[in-house]
Amino acid sequence: MPTFDLYLFDLDGTLVDTAPEVCDAVNDTLRRFDLPEAGQVQVTEWIGHGMQELLIQALAHAGQIAVATVRGSDSLALIASEFSRYYLQRCGSRSQLYPHVREVLLALRARNAKLALVTNKESRYAAALLTAHALTPLFDLQICGDTLPSRKPDPAGIEHCLSATQVPRERALFVGDSSIDVAAARQAGVAVWAVPYGYNMGQAIAESRPDRILSDLAELLDE
């Protein structure tokens, strides 16, 4: 009998390698406003708190100004609108599923497990990315960065999924790639396993002490 009835997944860095096209959209935006471009490594380290926060970090870095100054800028809304346009155009252009993602999700569904997506990515971007990779039908629930008043590491998204599916927390597993995911799962009282190949703001995922580190998502089928 499988150990878990509900599997909750992060998106960027866990299911889909999105960093290349995120970097493209960031640099599309920076060029549009005559700002210096950012490198791939730097952009990758900004992934995790949602696209709006990533853009703010990129603008602060490009302008060599404080993050708080960017947040209070009168031009942020205009720049964010341009970034949104560029990123929606880029979704699916250079991202790709990590190994065995589709097979694992299909196999878990075949076992009658519930699947939920809990991401800090805003819903319009998550929807575009899931559509680009034909993942939308595989999830019973989607909690994005703007679905609820708070986002990870707040456990509200996980709590919402537990309530909606009526799965006891001891029968739920969160699978992510970052300290943000580990913290959210811990606060929700659910098991958390992590992949080591994702985006954890430049830190090794082992430092976040998940319950288990998966070298490949296919290991989910062994439990």
C-alpha atoms as a PDB file:
ATOM      1  CA  MET A   1       0.000   0.000   0.000  1.00  0.00           C
ATOM      2  CA  PRO A   2       1.456   3.432  -0.935  1.00  0.00           C
ATOM      3  CA  THR A   3       2.588   5.580   1.965  1.00  0.00           C
ATOM      4  CA  PHE A   4       0.956   8.777   0.677  1.00  0.00           C
ATOM      5  CA  ASP A   5      -2.460   9.703  -0.688  1.00  0.00           C
ATOM      6  CA  LEU A   6      -1.647  13.337  -1.558  1.00  0.00           C
ATOM      7  CA  TYR A   7       1.490  14.523  -3.346  1.00  0.00           C
ATOM      8  CA  LEU A   8       2.141  18.251  -3.388  1.00  0.00           C
ATOM      9  CA  PHE A   9       4.711  19.555  -5.859  1.00  0.00           C
ATOM     10  CA  ASP A  10       6.622  22.768  -6.302  1.00  0.00           C
ATOM     11  CA  LEU A  11       6.946  23.828  -9.959  1.00  0.00           C
ATOM     12  CA  ASP A  12      10.133  25.692 -10.960  1.00  0.00           C
ATOM     13  CA  GLY A  13      13.236  23.659 -10.199  1.00  0.00           C
ATOM     14  CA  THR A  14      11.224  20.611  -9.161  1.00  0.00           C
ATOM     15  CA  LEU A  15       9.096  19.635 -12.151  1.00  0.00           C
ATOM     16  CA  VAL A  16      10.303  22.056 -14.816  1.00  0.00           C
ATOM     17  CA  ASP A  17      13.699  23.587 -15.495  1.00  0.00           C
ATOM     18  CA  THR A  18      12.573  27.133 -16.265  1.00  0.00           C
ATOM     19  CA  ALA A  19      15.713  29.137 -15.512  1.00  0.00           C
ATOM     20  CA  PRO A  20      16.855  29.669 -19.133  1.00  0.00           C
ATOM     21  CA  GLU A  21      13.606  31.245 -20.292  1.00  0.00           C
ATOM     22  CA  VAL A  22      13.175  33.215 -17.074  1.00  0.00           C
ATOM     23  CA  CYS A  23      16.614  34.686 -17.708  1.00  0.00           C
ATOM     24  CA  ASP A  24      15.610  35.482 -21.293  1.00  0.00           C
ATOM     25  CA  ALA A  25      12.514  37.374 -20.130  1.00  0.00           C
ATOM     26  CA  VAL A  26      14.460  39.258 -17.464  1.00  0.00           C
ATOM     27  CA  ASN A  27      17.000  40.380 -20.029  1.00  0.00           C
ATOM     28  CA  ASP A  28      14.304  41.238 -22.570  1.00  0.00           C
ATOM     29  CA  THR A  29      12.946  43.601 -19.918  1.00  0.00           C
ATOM     30  CA  LEU A  30      16.283  45.047 -18.848  1.00  0.00           C
ATOM     31  CA  ARG A  31      17.207  45.778 -22.465  1.00  0.00           C
ATOM     32  CA  ARG A  32      13.826  47.423 -23.008  1.00  0.00           C
ATOM     33  CA  PHE A  33      14.677  49.929 -20.285  1.00  0.00           C
ATOM     34  CA  ASP A  34      18.347  50.324 -21.228  1.00  0.00           C
ATOM     35  CA  LEU A  35      19.594  48.506 -18.140  1.00  0.00           C
ATOM     36  CA  PRO A  36      22.540  46.084 -18.001  1.00  0.00           C
ATOM     37  CA  GLU A  37      21.632  42.431 -18.478  1.00  0.00           C
ATOM     38  CA  ALA A  38      21.848  39.788 -15.762  1.00  0.00           C
ATOM     39  CA  GLY A  39      23.708  36.486 -15.952  1.00  0.00           C
ATOM     40  CA  GLN A  40      22.036  33.098 -15.875  1.00  0.00           C
ATOM     41  CA  VAL A  41      23.549  32.101 -12.530  1.00  0.00           C
ATOM     42  CA  GLN A  42      22.330  35.286 -10.873  1.00  0.00           C
ATOM     43  CA  VAL A  43      18.813  34.988 -12.267  1.00  0.00           C
ATOM     44  CA  THR A  44      18.620  31.362 -11.162  1.00  0.00           C
ATOM     45  CA  GLU A  45      19.441  32.381  -7.600  1.00  0.00           C
ATOM     46  CA  TRP A  46      16.542  34.861  -7.621  1.00  0.00           C
ATOM     47  CA  ILE A  47      13.968  32.167  -8.457  1.00  0.00           C
ATOM     48  CA  GLY A  48      11.744  31.045  -5.600  1.00  0.00           C
ATOM     49  CA  HIS A  49       9.603  33.906  -4.333  1.00  0.00           C
ATOM     50  CA  GLY A  50       7.546  34.520  -7.479  1.00  0.00           C
ATOM     51  CA  MET A  51       8.179  36.435 -10.685  1.00  0.00           C
ATOM     52  CA  GLN A  52       7.350  39.880  -9.279  1.00  0.00           C
ATOM     53  CA  GLU A  53       9.943  39.497  -6.548  1.00  0.00           C
ATOM     54  CA  LEU A  54      12.460  38.144  -9.060  1.00  0.00           C
ATOM     55  CA  LEU A  55      11.925  41.210 -11.253  1.00  0.00           C
ATOM     56  CA  ILE A  56      12.427  43.512  -8.281  1.00  0.00           C
ATOM     57  CA  GLN A  57      15.694  41.766  -7.449  1.00  0.00           C
ATOM     58  CA  ALA A  58      16.820  42.060 -11.078  1.00  0.00           C
ATOM     59  CA  LEU A  59      16.023  45.781 -11.224  1.00  0.00           C
ATOM     60  CA  ALA A  60      17.794  46.457  -7.949  1.00  0.00           C
ATOM     61  CA  HIS A  61      20.851  44.579  -9.179  1.00  0.00           C
ATOM     62  CA  ALA A  62      20.853  46.289 -12.585  1.00  0.00           C
ATOM     63  CA  GLY A  63      20.474  49.764 -11.126  1.00  0.00           C
ATOM     64  CA  GLN A  64      22.711  49.118  -8.121  1.00  0.00           C
ATOM     65  CA  ILE A  65      19.950  50.400  -5.849  1.00  0.00           C
ATOM     66  CA  ALA A  66      18.127  49.065  -2.801  1.00  0.00           C
ATOM     67  CA  VAL A  67      15.297  46.570  -3.224  1.00  0.00           C
ATOM     68  CA  ALA A  68      13.054  48.842  -1.140  1.00  0.00           C
ATOM     69  CA  THR A  69      13.702  51.684  -3.582  1.00  0.00           C
ATOM     70  CA  VAL A  70      12.564  49.510  -6.487  1.00  0.00           C
ATOM     71  CA  ARG A  71       9.415  48.449  -4.632  1.00  0.00           C
ATOM     72  CA  GLY A  72       8.508  52.089  -4.060  1.00  0.00           C
ATOM     73  CA  SER A  73       9.321  53.220  -7.589  1.00  0.00           C
ATOM     74  CA  ASP A  74       6.607  54.872  -9.693  1.00  0.00           C
ATOM     75  CA  SER A  75       7.939  53.019 -12.744  1.00  0.00           C
ATOM     76  CA  LEU A  76       7.689  49.511 -11.278  1.00  0.00           C
ATOM     77  CA  ALA A  77       4.145  48.886 -12.542  1.00  0.00           C
ATOM     78  CA  LEU A  78       5.127  49.787 -16.118  1.00  0.00           C
ATOM     79  CA  ILE A  79       8.266  47.641 -16.015  1.00  0.00           C
ATOM     80  CA  ALA A  80       6.341  44.754 -14.464  1.00  0.00           C
ATOM     81  CA  SER A  81       3.761  44.959 -17.243  1.00  0.00           C
ATOM     82  CA  GLU A  82       6.494  44.722 -19.863  1.00  0.00           C
ATOM     83  CA  PHE A  83       8.135  41.824 -18.020  1.00  0.00           C
ATOM     84  CA  SER A  84       4.816  39.994 -17.898  1.00  0.00           C
ATOM     85  CA  ARG A  85       4.417  40.363 -21.650  1.00  0.00           C
ATOM     86  CA  TYR A  86       7.933  39.121 -22.328  1.00  0.00           C
ATOM     87  CA  TYR A  87       7.712  36.204 -19.919  1.00  0.00           C
ATOM     88  CA  LEU A  88       4.360  34.971 -21.222  1.00  0.00           C
ATOM     89  CA  GLN A  89       5.900  34.995 -24.702  1.00  0.00           C
ATOM     90  CA  ARG A  90       8.872  33.018 -23.421  1.00  0.00           C
ATOM     91  CA  CYS A  91       6.929  30.353 -21.453  1.00  0.00           C
ATOM     92  CA  GLY A  92       7.732  26.973 -22.961  1.00  0.00           C
ATOM     93  CA  SER A  93      10.446  28.338 -25.263  1.00  0.00           C
ATOM     94  CA  ARG A  94      13.496  27.031 -23.410  1.00  0.00           C
ATOM     95  CA  SER A  95      12.076  25.283 -20.358  1.00  0.00           C
ATOM     96  CA  GLN A  96      11.911  21.514 -20.150  1.00  0.00           C
ATOM     97  CA  LEU A  97      10.600  18.847 -17.828  1.00  0.00           C
ATOM     98  CA  TYR A  98      13.104  17.206 -15.556  1.00  0.00           C
ATOM     99  CA  PRO A  99      13.621  13.461 -16.169  1.00  0.00           C
ATOM    100  CA  HIS A 100      10.628  11.189 -15.576  1.00  0.00           C
ATOM    101  CA  VAL A 101       8.266  13.977 -14.461  1.00  0.00           C
ATOM    102  CA  ARG A 102       5.375  13.079 -16.744  1.00  0.00           C
ATOM    103  CA  GLU A 103       5.733   9.340 -16.183  1.00  0.00           C
ATOM    104  CA  VAL A 104       5.807   9.791 -12.396  1.00  0.00           C
ATOM    105  CA  LEU A 105       2.755  12.052 -12.306  1.00  0.00           C
ATOM    106  CA  LEU A 106       0.799   9.646 -14.509  1.00  0.00           C
ATOM    107  CA  ALA A 107       1.852   6.663 -12.399  1.00  0.00           C
ATOM    108  CA  LEU A 108       0.821   8.384  -9.166  1.00  0.00           C
ATOM    109  CA  ARG A 109      -2.561   9.248 -10.640  1.00  0.00           C
ATOM    110  CA  ALA A 110      -2.947   5.621 -11.708  1.00  0.00           C
ATOM    111  CA  ARG A 111      -2.506   4.713  -8.042  1.00  0.00           C
ATOM    112  CA  ASN A 112      -5.447   7.022  -7.243  1.00  0.00           C
ATOM    113  CA  ALA A 113      -3.238   9.524  -5.438  1.00  0.00           C
ATOM    114  CA  LYS A 114      -4.271  13.173  -5.411  1.00  0.00           C
ATOM    115  CA  LEU A 115      -1.794  15.589  -7.011  1.00  0.00           C
ATOM    116  CA  ALA A 116      -1.496  19.248  -6.102  1.00  0.00           C
ATOM    117  CA  LEU A 117       0.736  22.034  -7.347  1.00  0.00           C
ATOM    118  CA  VAL A 118       1.869  24.556  -4.724  1.00  0.00           C
ATOM    119  CA  THR A 119       4.029  27.213  -6.325  1.00  0.00           C
ATOM    120  CA  ASN A 120       4.973  30.810  -5.624  1.00  0.00           C
ATOM    121  CA  LYS A 121       4.736  31.519  -9.343  1.00  0.00           C
ATOM    122  CA  GLU A 122       1.799  33.801 -10.119  1.00  0.00           C
ATOM    123  CA  SER A 123      -1.186  32.000 -11.628  1.00  0.00           C
ATOM    124  CA  ARG A 124      -0.990  33.488 -15.141  1.00  0.00           C
ATOM    125  CA  TYR A 125       2.611  32.336 -15.497  1.00  0.00           C
ATOM    126  CA  ALA A 126       2.020  28.931 -13.915  1.00  0.00           C
ATOM    127  CA  ALA A 127      -0.953  28.339 -16.227  1.00  0.00           C
ATOM    128  CA  ALA A 128       1.092  29.250 -19.300  1.00  0.00           C
ATOM    129  CA  LEU A 129       3.952  26.985 -18.246  1.00  0.00           C
ATOM    130  CA  LEU A 130       1.699  24.035 -17.422  1.00  0.00           C
ATOM    131  CA  THR A 131      -0.086  24.441 -20.745  1.00  0.00           C
ATOM    132  CA  ALA A 132       3.196  24.620 -22.658  1.00  0.00           C
ATOM    133  CA  HIS A 133       4.261  21.292 -21.171  1.00  0.00           C
ATOM    134  CA  ALA A 134       0.813  19.633 -21.189  1.00  0.00           C
ATOM    135  CA  LEU A 135       0.790  19.195 -17.408  1.00  0.00           C
ATOM    136  CA  THR A 136      -2.476  20.980 -16.566  1.00  0.00           C
ATOM    137  CA  PRO A 137      -4.759  17.895 -16.588  1.00  0.00           C
ATOM    138  CA  LEU A 138      -2.473  15.996 -14.220  1.00  0.00           C
ATOM    139  CA  PHE A 139      -3.191  18.141 -11.155  1.00  0.00           C
ATOM    140  CA  ASP A 140      -6.293  17.995  -8.987  1.00  0.00           C
ATOM    141  CA  LEU A 141      -5.425  21.322  -7.358  1.00  0.00           C
ATOM    142  CA  GLN A 142      -3.271  24.314  -8.210  1.00  0.00           C
ATOM    143  CA  ILE A 143      -2.203  26.841  -5.576  1.00  0.00           C
ATOM    144  CA  CYS A 144      -0.176  29.674  -7.059  1.00  0.00           C
ATOM    145  CA  GLY A 145       1.568  32.673  -5.584  1.00  0.00           C
ATOM    146  CA  ASP A 146      -1.542  34.849  -5.938  1.00  0.00           C
ATOM    147  CA  THR A 147      -4.209  32.241  -5.103  1.00  0.00           C
ATOM    148  CA  LEU A 148      -4.191  32.974  -1.370  1.00  0.00           C
ATOM    149  CA  PRO A 149      -3.230  36.053   0.679  1.00  0.00           C
ATOM    150  CA  SER A 150       0.123  34.448   1.564  1.00  0.00           C
ATOM    151  CA  ARG A 151       2.604  32.209  -0.197  1.00  0.00           C
ATOM    152  CA  LYS A 152       5.325  29.744   0.763  1.00  0.00           C
ATOM    153  CA  PRO A 153       7.028  29.486   3.225  1.00  0.00           C
ATOM    154  CA  ASP A 154       3.629  30.198   4.784  1.00  0.00           C
ATOM    155  CA  PRO A 155       1.885  26.801   4.988  1.00  0.00           C
ATOM    156  CA  ALA A 156      -1.522  28.144   3.891  1.00  0.00           C
ATOM    157  CA  GLY A 157      -1.305  26.591   0.426  1.00  0.00           C
ATOM    158  CA  ILE A 158      -0.537  23.161   1.820  1.00  0.00           C
ATOM    159  CA  GLU A 159      -3.257  23.519   4.459  1.00  0.00           C
ATOM    160  CA  HIS A 160      -5.735  24.443   1.734  1.00  0.00           C
ATOM    161  CA  CYS A 161      -4.884  21.288  -0.219  1.00  0.00           C
ATOM    162  CA  LEU A 162      -5.188  19.093   2.858  1.00  0.00           C
ATOM    163  CA  SER A 163      -8.617  20.559   3.587  1.00  0.00           C
ATOM    164  CA  ALA A 164      -9.826  20.320  -0.011  1.00  0.00           C
ATOM    165  CA  THR A 165      -8.782  16.691  -0.430  1.00  0.00           C
ATOM    166  CA  GLN A 166      -9.605  15.600   3.137  1.00  0.00           C
ATOM    167  CA  VAL A 167      -6.265  13.764   3.279  1.00  0.00           C
ATOM    168  CA  PRO A 168      -4.707  13.519   6.760  1.00  0.00           C
ATOM    169  CA  ARG A 169      -1.390  15.360   6.945  1.00  0.00           C
ATOM    170  CA  GLU A 170       0.466  12.142   7.781  1.00  0.00           C
ATOM    171  CA  ARG A 171      -0.658  10.800   4.387  1.00  0.00           C
ATOM    172  CA  ALA A 172       0.638  13.815   2.459  1.00  0.00           C
ATOM    173  CA  LEU A 173       4.081  14.455   0.960  1.00  0.00           C
ATOM    174  CA  PHE A 174       5.509  17.735  -0.290  1.00  0.00           C
ATOM    175  CA  VAL A 175       8.162  17.493  -3.029  1.00  0.00           C
ATOM    176  CA  GLY A 176      10.247  20.602  -3.668  1.00  0.00           C
ATOM    177  CA  ASP A 177      13.714  21.948  -4.323  1.00  0.00           C
ATOM    178  CA  SER A 178      14.286  24.788  -1.872  1.00  0.00           C
ATOM    179  CA  SER A 179      14.466  25.903   1.741  1.00  0.00           C
ATOM    180  CA  ILE A 180      11.175  27.709   1.077  1.00  0.00           C
ATOM    181  CA  ASP A 181       9.497  24.387   0.306  1.00  0.00           C
ATOM    182  CA  VAL A 182      11.020  22.652   3.316  1.00  0.00           C
ATOM    183  CA  ALA A 183       9.910  25.458   5.643  1.00  0.00           C
ATOM    184  CA  ALA A 184       6.347  25.437   4.292  1.00  0.00           C
ATOM    185  CA  ALA A 185       6.052  21.663   4.668  1.00  0.00           C
ATOM    186  CA  ARG A 186       7.505  21.714   8.174  1.00  0.00           C
ATOM    187  CA  GLN A 187       5.019  24.374   9.276  1.00  0.00           C
ATOM    188  CA  ALA A 188       2.175  22.351   7.793  1.00  0.00           C
ATOM    189  CA  GLY A 189       3.364  19.188   9.517  1.00  0.00           C
ATOM    190  CA  VAL A 190       3.736  17.129   6.346  1.00  0.00           C
ATOM    191  CA  ALA A 191       6.663  15.048   5.135  1.00  0.00           C
ATOM    192  CA  VAL A 192       9.000  16.823   2.733  1.00  0.00           C
ATOM    193  CA  TRP A 193      11.355  15.302   0.190  1.00  0.00           C
ATOM    194  CA  ALA A 194      13.568  17.409  -2.053  1.00  0.00           C
ATOM    195  CA  VAL A 195      15.444  17.192  -5.323  1.00  0.00           C
ATOM    196  CA  PRO A 196      19.047  18.435  -5.403  1.00  0.00           C
ATOM    197  CA  TYR A 197      19.068  19.802  -8.952  1.00  0.00           C
ATOM    198  CA  GLY A 198      16.678  22.727  -8.595  1.00  0.00           C
ATOM    199  CA  TYR A 199      16.868  26.344  -7.471  1.00  0.00           C
ATOM    200  CA  ASN A 200      17.665  26.968  -3.827  1.00  0.00           C
ATOM    201  CA  MET A 201      19.111  30.467  -4.012  1.00  0.00           C
ATOM    202  CA  GLY A 202      22.609  29.100  -4.437  1.00  0.00           C
ATOM    203  CA  GLN A 203      22.516  26.807  -1.394  1.00  0.00           C
ATOM    204  CA  ALA A 204      22.747  23.011  -1.291  1.00  0.00           C
ATOM    205  CA  ILE A 205      19.346  21.541  -0.458  1.00  0.00           C
ATOM    206  CA  ALA A 206      20.922  19.269   2.176  1.00  0.00           C
ATOM    207  CA  GLU A 207      21.432  22.372   4.330  1.00  0.00           C
ATOM    208  CA  SER A 208      17.638  22.712   4.573  1.00  0.00           C
ATOM    209  CA  ARG A 209      17.365  19.205   6.065  1.00  0.00           C
ATOM    210  CA  PRO A 210      14.431  17.717   4.133  1.00  0.00           C
ATOM    211  CA  ASP A 211      13.265  14.290   5.257  1.00  0.00           C
ATOM    212  CA  ARG A 212      14.789  12.757   2.151  1.00  0.00           C
ATOM    213  CA  ILE A 213      16.728  13.872  -0.915  1.00  0.00           C
ATOM    214  CA  LEU A 214      15.643  12.343  -4.221  1.00  0.00           C
ATOM    215  CA  SER A 215      18.202  12.004  -6.968  1.00  0.00           C
ATOM    216  CA  ASP A 216      15.373  11.443  -9.442  1.00  0.00           C
ATOM    217  CA  LEU A 217      11.590  11.885  -9.158  1.00  0.00           C
ATOM    218  CA  ALA A 218      11.183   8.267 -10.261  1.00  0.00           C
ATOM    219  CA  GLU A 219      12.161   7.326  -6.702  1.00  0.00           C
ATOM    220  CA  LEU A 220       8.662   8.458  -5.675  1.00  0.00           C
ATOM    221  CA  LEU A 221       7.350   5.286  -7.256  1.00  0.00           C
ATOM    222  CA  ASP A 222       9.464   3.087  -5.004  1.00  0.00           C
ATOM    223  CA  GLU A 223       7.820   4.086  -1.722  1.00  0.00           C
END
